[in-house]
Amino acid sequence: VAVPVFAFFAAGVSLSGAGGLGAALRDPVTIGVAAGLIVG
């Protein structure tokens, strides 16, 4: 219950609201987080 409900409220990111997927993928925050998880 607790973790799935939190995920439901936290994971609903709007790609258009984030400035579009292209803008998000160019943001160093996105790149740093993804690179940290995959490589780091």
PDB file of all heavy atoms in Angstrom:
ATOM      1  N   VAL A   1       0.821  -1.209   0.000  1.00  0.00           N
ATOM      2  CA  VAL A   1       0.000   0.000   0.000  1.00  0.00           C
ATOM      3  C   VAL A   1       0.855   1.260   0.000  1.00  0.00           C
ATOM      4  O   VAL A   1       0.749   2.089  -0.910  1.00  0.00           O
ATOM      5  CB  VAL A   1      -0.949   0.014   1.225  1.00  0.00           C
ATOM      6  CG1 VAL A   1      -1.769   1.305   1.234  1.00  0.00           C
ATOM      7  CG2 VAL A   1      -1.873  -1.195   1.208  1.00  0.00           C
ATOM      8  N   ALA A   2       1.705   1.427   1.011  1.00  0.00           N
ATOM      9  CA  ALA A   2       2.418   2.692   1.199  1.00  0.00           C
ATOM     10  C   ALA A   2       3.283   3.056  -0.004  1.00  0.00           C
ATOM     11  O   ALA A   2       3.172   4.163  -0.557  1.00  0.00           O
ATOM     12  CB  ALA A   2       3.263   2.622   2.469  1.00  0.00           C
ATOM     13  N   VAL A   3       4.143   2.140  -0.415  1.00  0.00           N
ATOM     14  CA  VAL A   3       5.067   2.445  -1.520  1.00  0.00           C
ATOM     15  C   VAL A   3       4.337   2.583  -2.854  1.00  0.00           C
ATOM     16  O   VAL A   3       4.605   3.535  -3.610  1.00  0.00           O
ATOM     17  CB  VAL A   3       6.192   1.389  -1.591  1.00  0.00           C
ATOM     18  CG1 VAL A   3       7.059   1.610  -2.817  1.00  0.00           C
ATOM     19  CG2 VAL A   3       7.047   1.448  -0.327  1.00  0.00           C
ATOM     20  N   PRO A   4       3.404   1.678  -3.219  1.00  0.00           N
ATOM     21  CA  PRO A   4       2.676   1.879  -4.486  1.00  0.00           C
ATOM     22  C   PRO A   4       1.879   3.178  -4.530  1.00  0.00           C
ATOM     23  O   PRO A   4       1.832   3.843  -5.567  1.00  0.00           O
ATOM     24  CB  PRO A   4       1.757   0.653  -4.555  1.00  0.00           C
ATOM     25  CG  PRO A   4       2.444  -0.386  -3.763  1.00  0.00           C
ATOM     26  CD  PRO A   4       3.097   0.355  -2.637  1.00  0.00           C
ATOM     27  N   VAL A   5       1.239   3.561  -3.408  1.00  0.00           N
ATOM     28  CA  VAL A   5       0.479   4.816  -3.400  1.00  0.00           C
ATOM     29  C   VAL A   5       1.418   6.004  -3.571  1.00  0.00           C
ATOM     30  O   VAL A   5       1.128   6.951  -4.319  1.00  0.00           O
ATOM     31  CB  VAL A   5      -0.343   4.934  -2.102  1.00  0.00           C
ATOM     32  CG1 VAL A   5      -0.948   6.339  -1.987  1.00  0.00           C
ATOM     33  CG2 VAL A   5      -1.454   3.891  -2.085  1.00  0.00           C
ATOM     34  N   PHE A   6       2.568   5.980  -2.882  1.00  0.00           N
ATOM     35  CA  PHE A   6       3.545   7.048  -3.073  1.00  0.00           C
ATOM     36  C   PHE A   6       3.995   7.104  -4.534  1.00  0.00           C
ATOM     37  O   PHE A   6       4.104   8.195  -5.113  1.00  0.00           O
ATOM     38  CB  PHE A   6       4.753   6.830  -2.172  1.00  0.00           C
ATOM     39  CG  PHE A   6       5.923   7.720  -2.517  1.00  0.00           C
ATOM     40  CD1 PHE A   6       5.921   9.058  -2.171  1.00  0.00           C
ATOM     41  CD2 PHE A   6       7.012   7.214  -3.219  1.00  0.00           C
ATOM     42  CE1 PHE A   6       6.978   9.888  -2.506  1.00  0.00           C
ATOM     43  CE2 PHE A   6       8.072   8.035  -3.558  1.00  0.00           C
ATOM     44  CZ  PHE A   6       8.055   9.374  -3.196  1.00  0.00           C
ATOM     45  N   ALA A   7       4.261   5.947  -5.128  1.00  0.00           N
ATOM     46  CA  ALA A   7       4.691   5.909  -6.529  1.00  0.00           C
ATOM     47  C   ALA A   7       3.621   6.484  -7.448  1.00  0.00           C
ATOM     48  O   ALA A   7       3.925   7.179  -8.421  1.00  0.00           O
ATOM     49  CB  ALA A   7       5.017   4.474  -6.930  1.00  0.00           C
ATOM     50  N   PHE A   8       2.354   6.213  -7.126  1.00  0.00           N
ATOM     51  CA  PHE A   8       1.260   6.740  -7.951  1.00  0.00           C
ATOM     52  C   PHE A   8       1.263   8.263  -7.950  1.00  0.00           C
ATOM     53  O   PHE A   8       1.065   8.897  -8.983  1.00  0.00           O
ATOM     54  CB  PHE A   8      -0.078   6.205  -7.431  1.00  0.00           C
ATOM     55  CG  PHE A   8      -1.270   6.816  -8.107  1.00  0.00           C
ATOM     56  CD1 PHE A   8      -1.648   6.418  -9.381  1.00  0.00           C
ATOM     57  CD2 PHE A   8      -2.003   7.811  -7.468  1.00  0.00           C
ATOM     58  CE1 PHE A   8      -2.752   6.992 -10.009  1.00  0.00           C
ATOM     59  CE2 PHE A   8      -3.104   8.391  -8.087  1.00  0.00           C
ATOM     60  CZ  PHE A   8      -3.475   7.979  -9.365  1.00  0.00           C
ATOM     61  N   PHE A   9       1.496   8.876  -6.794  1.00  0.00           N
ATOM     62  CA  PHE A   9       1.480  10.333  -6.715  1.00  0.00           C
ATOM     63  C   PHE A   9       2.788  10.970  -7.173  1.00  0.00           C
ATOM     64  O   PHE A   9       2.800  12.134  -7.561  1.00  0.00           O
ATOM     65  CB  PHE A   9       1.170  10.775  -5.285  1.00  0.00           C
ATOM     66  CG  PHE A   9      -0.269  10.614  -4.898  1.00  0.00           C
ATOM     67  CD1 PHE A   9      -0.650   9.636  -4.000  1.00  0.00           C
ATOM     68  CD2 PHE A   9      -1.248  11.423  -5.445  1.00  0.00           C
ATOM     69  CE1 PHE A   9      -1.978   9.477  -3.641  1.00  0.00           C
ATOM     70  CE2 PHE A   9      -2.588  11.271  -5.099  1.00  0.00           C
ATOM     71  CZ  PHE A   9      -2.953  10.294  -4.194  1.00  0.00           C
ATOM     72  N   ALA A  10       3.901  10.228  -7.128  1.00  0.00           N
ATOM     73  CA  ALA A  10       5.206  10.819  -7.428  1.00  0.00           C
ATOM     74  C   ALA A  10       5.660  10.590  -8.867  1.00  0.00           C
ATOM     75  O   ALA A  10       6.451  11.379  -9.386  1.00  0.00           O
ATOM     76  CB  ALA A  10       6.267  10.259  -6.481  1.00  0.00           C
ATOM     77  N   ALA A  11       5.186   9.530  -9.500  1.00  0.00           N
ATOM     78  CA  ALA A  11       5.723   9.168 -10.819  1.00  0.00           C
ATOM     79  C   ALA A  11       4.970   9.799 -11.977  1.00  0.00           C
ATOM     80  O   ALA A  11       5.390   9.670 -13.130  1.00  0.00           O
ATOM     81  CB  ALA A  11       5.705   7.640 -10.985  1.00  0.00           C
ATOM     82  N   GLY A  12       3.886  10.502 -11.686  1.00  0.00           N
ATOM     83  CA  GLY A  12       3.065  11.048 -12.770  1.00  0.00           C
ATOM     84  C   GLY A  12       3.613  12.337 -13.344  1.00  0.00           C
ATOM     85  O   GLY A  12       3.013  13.408 -13.181  1.00  0.00           O
ATOM     86  N   VAL A  13       4.729  12.267 -14.007  1.00  0.00           N
ATOM     87  CA  VAL A  13       5.342  13.451 -14.603  1.00  0.00           C
ATOM     88  C   VAL A  13       4.762  13.670 -15.999  1.00  0.00           C
ATOM     89  O   VAL A  13       4.648  12.737 -16.800  1.00  0.00           O
ATOM     90  CB  VAL A  13       6.879  13.301 -14.677  1.00  0.00           C
ATOM     91  CG1 VAL A  13       7.278  12.043 -15.427  1.00  0.00           C
ATOM     92  CG2 VAL A  13       7.514  14.524 -15.315  1.00  0.00           C
ATOM     93  N   SER A  14       4.385  14.907 -16.276  1.00  0.00           N
ATOM     94  CA  SER A  14       3.860  15.271 -17.597  1.00  0.00           C
ATOM     95  C   SER A  14       5.012  15.701 -18.493  1.00  0.00           C
ATOM     96  O   SER A  14       5.731  16.655 -18.174  1.00  0.00           O
ATOM     97  CB  SER A  14       2.836  16.402 -17.454  1.00  0.00           C
ATOM     98  OG  SER A  14       2.463  16.891 -18.721  1.00  0.00           O
ATOM     99  N   LEU A  15       5.190  14.990 -19.580  1.00  0.00           N
ATOM    100  CA  LEU A  15       6.306  15.316 -20.477  1.00  0.00           C
ATOM    101  C   LEU A  15       6.122  16.685 -21.121  1.00  0.00           C
ATOM    102  O   LEU A  15       7.082  17.428 -21.318  1.00  0.00           O
ATOM    103  CB  LEU A  15       6.440  14.234 -21.547  1.00  0.00           C
ATOM    104  CG  LEU A  15       6.753  12.825 -21.025  1.00  0.00           C
ATOM    105  CD1 LEU A  15       6.880  11.840 -22.172  1.00  0.00           C
ATOM    106  CD2 LEU A  15       8.025  12.836 -20.191  1.00  0.00           C
ATOM    107  N   SER A  16       4.893  17.045 -21.422  1.00  0.00           N
ATOM    108  CA  SER A  16       4.657  18.369 -21.996  1.00  0.00           C
ATOM    109  C   SER A  16       4.849  19.449 -20.939  1.00  0.00           C
ATOM    110  O   SER A  16       5.377  20.524 -21.205  1.00  0.00           O
ATOM    111  CB  SER A  16       3.247  18.450 -22.570  1.00  0.00           C
ATOM    112  OG  SER A  16       2.279  18.192 -21.557  1.00  0.00           O
ATOM    113  N   GLY A  17       4.433  19.147 -19.703  1.00  0.00           N
ATOM    114  CA  GLY A  17       4.601  20.107 -18.610  1.00  0.00           C
ATOM    115  C   GLY A  17       6.054  20.329 -18.264  1.00  0.00           C
ATOM    116  O   GLY A  17       6.427  21.362 -17.723  1.00  0.00           O
ATOM    117  N   ALA A  18       6.892  19.336 -18.541  1.00  0.00           N
ATOM    118  CA  ALA A  18       8.317  19.468 -18.251  1.00  0.00           C
ATOM    119  C   ALA A  18       9.074  20.177 -19.358  1.00  0.00           C
ATOM    120  O   ALA A  18      10.298  20.192 -19.382  1.00  0.00           O
ATOM    121  CB  ALA A  18       8.924  18.084 -18.021  1.00  0.00           C
ATOM    122  N   GLY A  19       8.332  20.796 -20.300  1.00  0.00           N
ATOM    123  CA  GLY A  19       8.978  21.503 -21.400  1.00  0.00           C
ATOM    124  C   GLY A  19       9.245  20.622 -22.591  1.00  0.00           C
ATOM    125  O   GLY A  19       9.980  21.007 -23.497  1.00  0.00           O
ATOM    126  N   GLY A  20       8.654  19.433 -22.595  1.00  0.00           N
ATOM    127  CA  GLY A  20       8.885  18.497 -23.677  1.00  0.00           C
ATOM    128  C   GLY A  20      10.019  17.549 -23.357  1.00  0.00           C
ATOM    129  O   GLY A  20      10.930  17.881 -22.589  1.00  0.00           O
ATOM    130  N   LEU A  21       9.955  16.373 -23.929  1.00  0.00           N
ATOM    131  CA  LEU A  21      10.958  15.360 -23.648  1.00  0.00           C
ATOM    132  C   LEU A  21      12.344  15.802 -24.100  1.00  0.00           C
ATOM    133  O   LEU A  21      13.344  15.533 -23.423  1.00  0.00           O
ATOM    134  CB  LEU A  21      10.570  14.046 -24.324  1.00  0.00           C
ATOM    135  CG  LEU A  21      11.450  12.832 -24.018  1.00  0.00           C
ATOM    136  CD1 LEU A  21      11.460  12.554 -22.517  1.00  0.00           C
ATOM    137  CD2 LEU A  21      10.966  11.609 -24.789  1.00  0.00           C
ATOM    138  N   GLY A  22      12.426  16.498 -25.234  1.00  0.00           N
ATOM    139  CA  GLY A  22      13.726  16.942 -25.728  1.00  0.00           C
ATOM    140  C   GLY A  22      14.416  17.888 -24.759  1.00  0.00           C
ATOM    141  O   GLY A  22      15.608  17.750 -24.470  1.00  0.00           O
ATOM    142  N   ALA A  23      13.653  18.852 -24.234  1.00  0.00           N
ATOM    143  CA  ALA A  23      14.231  19.798 -23.272  1.00  0.00           C
ATOM    144  C   ALA A  23      14.655  19.093 -21.994  1.00  0.00           C
ATOM    145  O   ALA A  23      15.703  19.413 -21.411  1.00  0.00           O
ATOM    146  CB  ALA A  23      13.218  20.899 -22.959  1.00  0.00           C
ATOM    147  N   ALA A  24      13.849  18.118 -21.552  1.00  0.00           N
ATOM    148  CA  ALA A  24      14.187  17.385 -20.332  1.00  0.00           C
ATOM    149  C   ALA A  24      15.463  16.581 -20.511  1.00  0.00           C
ATOM    150  O   ALA A  24      16.311  16.528 -19.608  1.00  0.00           O
ATOM    151  CB  ALA A  24      13.038  16.461 -19.944  1.00  0.00           C
ATOM    152  N   LEU A  25      15.623  15.953 -21.657  1.00  0.00           N
ATOM    153  CA  LEU A  25      16.800  15.122 -21.892  1.00  0.00           C
ATOM    154  C   LEU A  25      18.074  15.946 -22.046  1.00  0.00           C
ATOM    155  O   LEU A  25      19.169  15.419 -21.876  1.00  0.00           O
ATOM    156  CB  LEU A  25      16.589  14.261 -23.141  1.00  0.00           C
ATOM    157  CG  LEU A  25      15.484  13.200 -23.045  1.00  0.00           C
ATOM    158  CD1 LEU A  25      15.358  12.425 -24.341  1.00  0.00           C
ATOM    159  CD2 LEU A  25      15.739  12.254 -21.882  1.00  0.00           C
ATOM    160  N   ARG A  26      17.943  17.228 -22.355  1.00  0.00           N
ATOM    161  CA  ARG A  26      19.126  18.101 -22.457  1.00  0.00           C
ATOM    162  C   ARG A  26      19.483  18.748 -21.132  1.00  0.00           C
ATOM    163  O   ARG A  26      20.554  19.331 -20.995  1.00  0.00           O
ATOM    164  CB  ARG A  26      18.882  19.191 -23.510  1.00  0.00           C
ATOM    165  CG  ARG A  26      18.817  18.679 -24.935  1.00  0.00           C
ATOM    166  CD  ARG A  26      18.847  19.839 -25.928  1.00  0.00           C
ATOM    167  NE  ARG A  26      17.681  20.719 -25.774  1.00  0.00           N
ATOM    168  CZ  ARG A  26      16.534  20.556 -26.423  1.00  0.00           C
ATOM    169  NH1 ARG A  26      16.386  19.532 -27.261  1.00  0.00           N
ATOM    170  NH2 ARG A  26      15.535  21.398 -26.238  1.00  0.00           N
ATOM    171  N   ASP A  27      18.602  18.662 -20.147  1.00  0.00           N
ATOM    172  CA  ASP A  27      18.841  19.280 -18.849  1.00  0.00           C
ATOM    173  C   ASP A  27      19.928  18.496 -18.108  1.00  0.00           C
ATOM    174  O   ASP A  27      19.860  17.273 -18.003  1.00  0.00           O
ATOM    175  CB  ASP A  27      17.547  19.272 -18.031  1.00  0.00           C
ATOM    176  CG  ASP A  27      17.643  20.133 -16.774  1.00  0.00           C
ATOM    177  OD1 ASP A  27      18.752  20.236 -16.207  1.00  0.00           O
ATOM    178  OD2 ASP A  27      16.620  20.685 -16.369  1.00  0.00           O
ATOM    179  N   PRO A  28      20.947  19.177 -17.580  1.00  0.00           N
ATOM    180  CA  PRO A  28      22.000  18.468 -16.834  1.00  0.00           C
ATOM    181  C   PRO A  28      21.472  17.717 -15.615  1.00  0.00           C
ATOM    182  O   PRO A  28      22.099  16.743 -15.186  1.00  0.00           O
ATOM    183  CB  PRO A  28      22.973  19.578 -16.426  1.00  0.00           C
ATOM    184  CG  PRO A  28      22.219  20.859 -16.585  1.00  0.00           C
ATOM    185  CD  PRO A  28      21.234  20.618 -17.687  1.00  0.00           C
ATOM    186  N   VAL A  29      20.353  18.156 -15.047  1.00  0.00           N
ATOM    187  CA  VAL A  29      19.760  17.420 -13.927  1.00  0.00           C
ATOM    188  C   VAL A  29      19.327  16.032 -14.398  1.00  0.00           C
ATOM    189  O   VAL A  29      19.629  15.013 -13.753  1.00  0.00           O
ATOM    190  CB  VAL A  29      18.566  18.192 -13.329  1.00  0.00           C
ATOM    191  CG1 VAL A  29      17.768  17.298 -12.376  1.00  0.00           C
ATOM    192  CG2 VAL A  29      19.051  19.432 -12.602  1.00  0.00           C
ATOM    193  N   THR A  30      18.615  15.977 -15.523  1.00  0.00           N
ATOM    194  CA  THR A  30      18.184  14.686 -16.076  1.00  0.00           C
ATOM    195  C   THR A  30      19.387  13.820 -16.425  1.00  0.00           C
ATOM    196  O   THR A  30      19.426  12.627 -16.089  1.00  0.00           O
ATOM    197  CB  THR A  30      17.323  14.904 -17.339  1.00  0.00           C
ATOM    198  OG1 THR A  30      16.281  15.829 -17.045  1.00  0.00           O
ATOM    199  CG2 THR A  30      16.730  13.602 -17.822  1.00  0.00           C
ATOM    200  N   ILE A  31      20.360  14.420 -17.102  1.00  0.00           N
ATOM    201  CA  ILE A  31      21.547  13.665 -17.528  1.00  0.00           C
ATOM    202  C   ILE A  31      22.323  13.167 -16.305  1.00  0.00           C
ATOM    203  O   ILE A  31      22.758  12.006 -16.263  1.00  0.00           O
ATOM    204  CB  ILE A  31      22.453  14.551 -18.409  1.00  0.00           C
ATOM    205  CG1 ILE A  31      21.708  14.961 -19.687  1.00  0.00           C
ATOM    206  CG2 ILE A  31      23.753  13.829 -18.749  1.00  0.00           C
ATOM    207  CD1 ILE A  31      22.432  16.002 -20.512  1.00  0.00           C
ATOM    208  N   GLY A  32      22.506  14.027 -15.302  1.00  0.00           N
ATOM    209  CA  GLY A  32      23.259  13.631 -14.115  1.00  0.00           C
ATOM    210  C   GLY A  32      22.586  12.518 -13.348  1.00  0.00           C
ATOM    211  O   GLY A  32      23.254  11.575 -12.893  1.00  0.00           O
ATOM    212  N   VAL A  33      21.256  12.587 -13.202  1.00  0.00           N
ATOM    213  CA  VAL A  33      20.530  11.539 -12.485  1.00  0.00           C
ATOM    214  C   VAL A  33      20.616  10.221 -13.235  1.00  0.00           C
ATOM    215  O   VAL A  33      20.915   9.163 -12.656  1.00  0.00           O
ATOM    216  CB  VAL A  33      19.059  11.959 -12.270  1.00  0.00           C
ATOM    217  CG1 VAL A  33      18.235  10.777 -11.763  1.00  0.00           C
ATOM    218  CG2 VAL A  33      18.966  13.110 -11.278  1.00  0.00           C
ATOM    219  N   ALA A  34      20.330  10.259 -14.543  1.00  0.00           N
ATOM    220  CA  ALA A  34      20.355   9.024 -15.338  1.00  0.00           C
ATOM    221  C   ALA A  34      21.755   8.420 -15.377  1.00  0.00           C
ATOM    222  O   ALA A  34      21.923   7.204 -15.208  1.00  0.00           O
ATOM    223  CB  ALA A  34      19.854   9.310 -16.750  1.00  0.00           C
ATOM    224  N   ALA A  35      22.774   9.260 -15.602  1.00  0.00           N
ATOM    225  CA  ALA A  35      24.150   8.754 -15.649  1.00  0.00           C
ATOM    226  C   ALA A  35      24.574   8.203 -14.291  1.00  0.00           C
ATOM    227  O   ALA A  35      25.289   7.188 -14.211  1.00  0.00           O
ATOM    228  CB  ALA A  35      25.102   9.861 -16.094  1.00  0.00           C
ATOM    229  N   GLY A  36      24.129   8.850 -13.218  1.00  0.00           N
ATOM    230  CA  GLY A  36      24.456   8.353 -11.886  1.00  0.00           C
ATOM    231  C   GLY A  36      23.885   6.972 -11.635  1.00  0.00           C
ATOM    232  O   GLY A  36      24.560   6.097 -11.076  1.00  0.00           O
ATOM    233  N   LEU A  37      22.636   6.754 -12.046  1.00  0.00           N
ATOM    234  CA  LEU A  37      22.000   5.455 -11.838  1.00  0.00           C
ATOM    235  C   LEU A  37      22.594   4.377 -12.738  1.00  0.00           C
ATOM    236  O   LEU A  37      22.850   3.254 -12.289  1.00  0.00           O
ATOM    237  CB  LEU A  37      20.493   5.570 -12.086  1.00  0.00           C
ATOM    238  CG  LEU A  37      19.688   6.370 -11.060  1.00  0.00           C
ATOM    239  CD1 LEU A  37      18.250   6.554 -11.532  1.00  0.00           C
ATOM    240  CD2 LEU A  37      19.711   5.690  -9.696  1.00  0.00           C
ATOM    241  N   ILE A  38      22.811   4.703 -13.997  1.00  0.00           N
ATOM    242  CA  ILE A  38      23.260   3.683 -14.953  1.00  0.00           C
ATOM    243  C   ILE A  38      24.752   3.395 -14.797  1.00  0.00           C
ATOM    244  O   ILE A  38      25.169   2.236 -14.664  1.00  0.00           O
ATOM    245  CB  ILE A  38      22.966   4.142 -16.400  1.00  0.00           C
ATOM    246  CG1 ILE A  38      21.463   4.361 -16.596  1.00  0.00           C
ATOM    247  CG2 ILE A  38      23.480   3.101 -17.400  1.00  0.00           C
ATOM    248  CD1 ILE A  38      21.122   5.080 -17.886  1.00  0.00           C
ATOM    249  N   VAL A  39      25.558   4.438 -14.795  1.00  0.00           N
ATOM    250  CA  VAL A  39      27.015   4.270 -14.756  1.00  0.00           C
ATOM    251  C   VAL A  39      27.535   4.285 -13.319  1.00  0.00           C
ATOM    252  O   VAL A  39      28.330   3.431 -12.915  1.00  0.00           O
ATOM    253  CB  VAL A  39      27.716   5.365 -15.595  1.00  0.00           C
ATOM    254  CG1 VAL A  39      29.221   5.179 -15.545  1.00  0.00           C
ATOM    255  CG2 VAL A  39      27.207   5.350 -17.023  1.00  0.00           C
ATOM    256  N   GLY A  40      27.077   5.289 -12.543  1.00  0.00           N
ATOM    257  CA  GLY A  40      27.613   5.459 -11.200  1.00  0.00           C
ATOM    258  C   GLY A  40      27.370   4.281 -10.285  1.00  0.00           C
ATOM    259  O   GLY A  40      28.283   3.813  -9.593  1.00  0.00           O
TER     260      GLY A  40
END
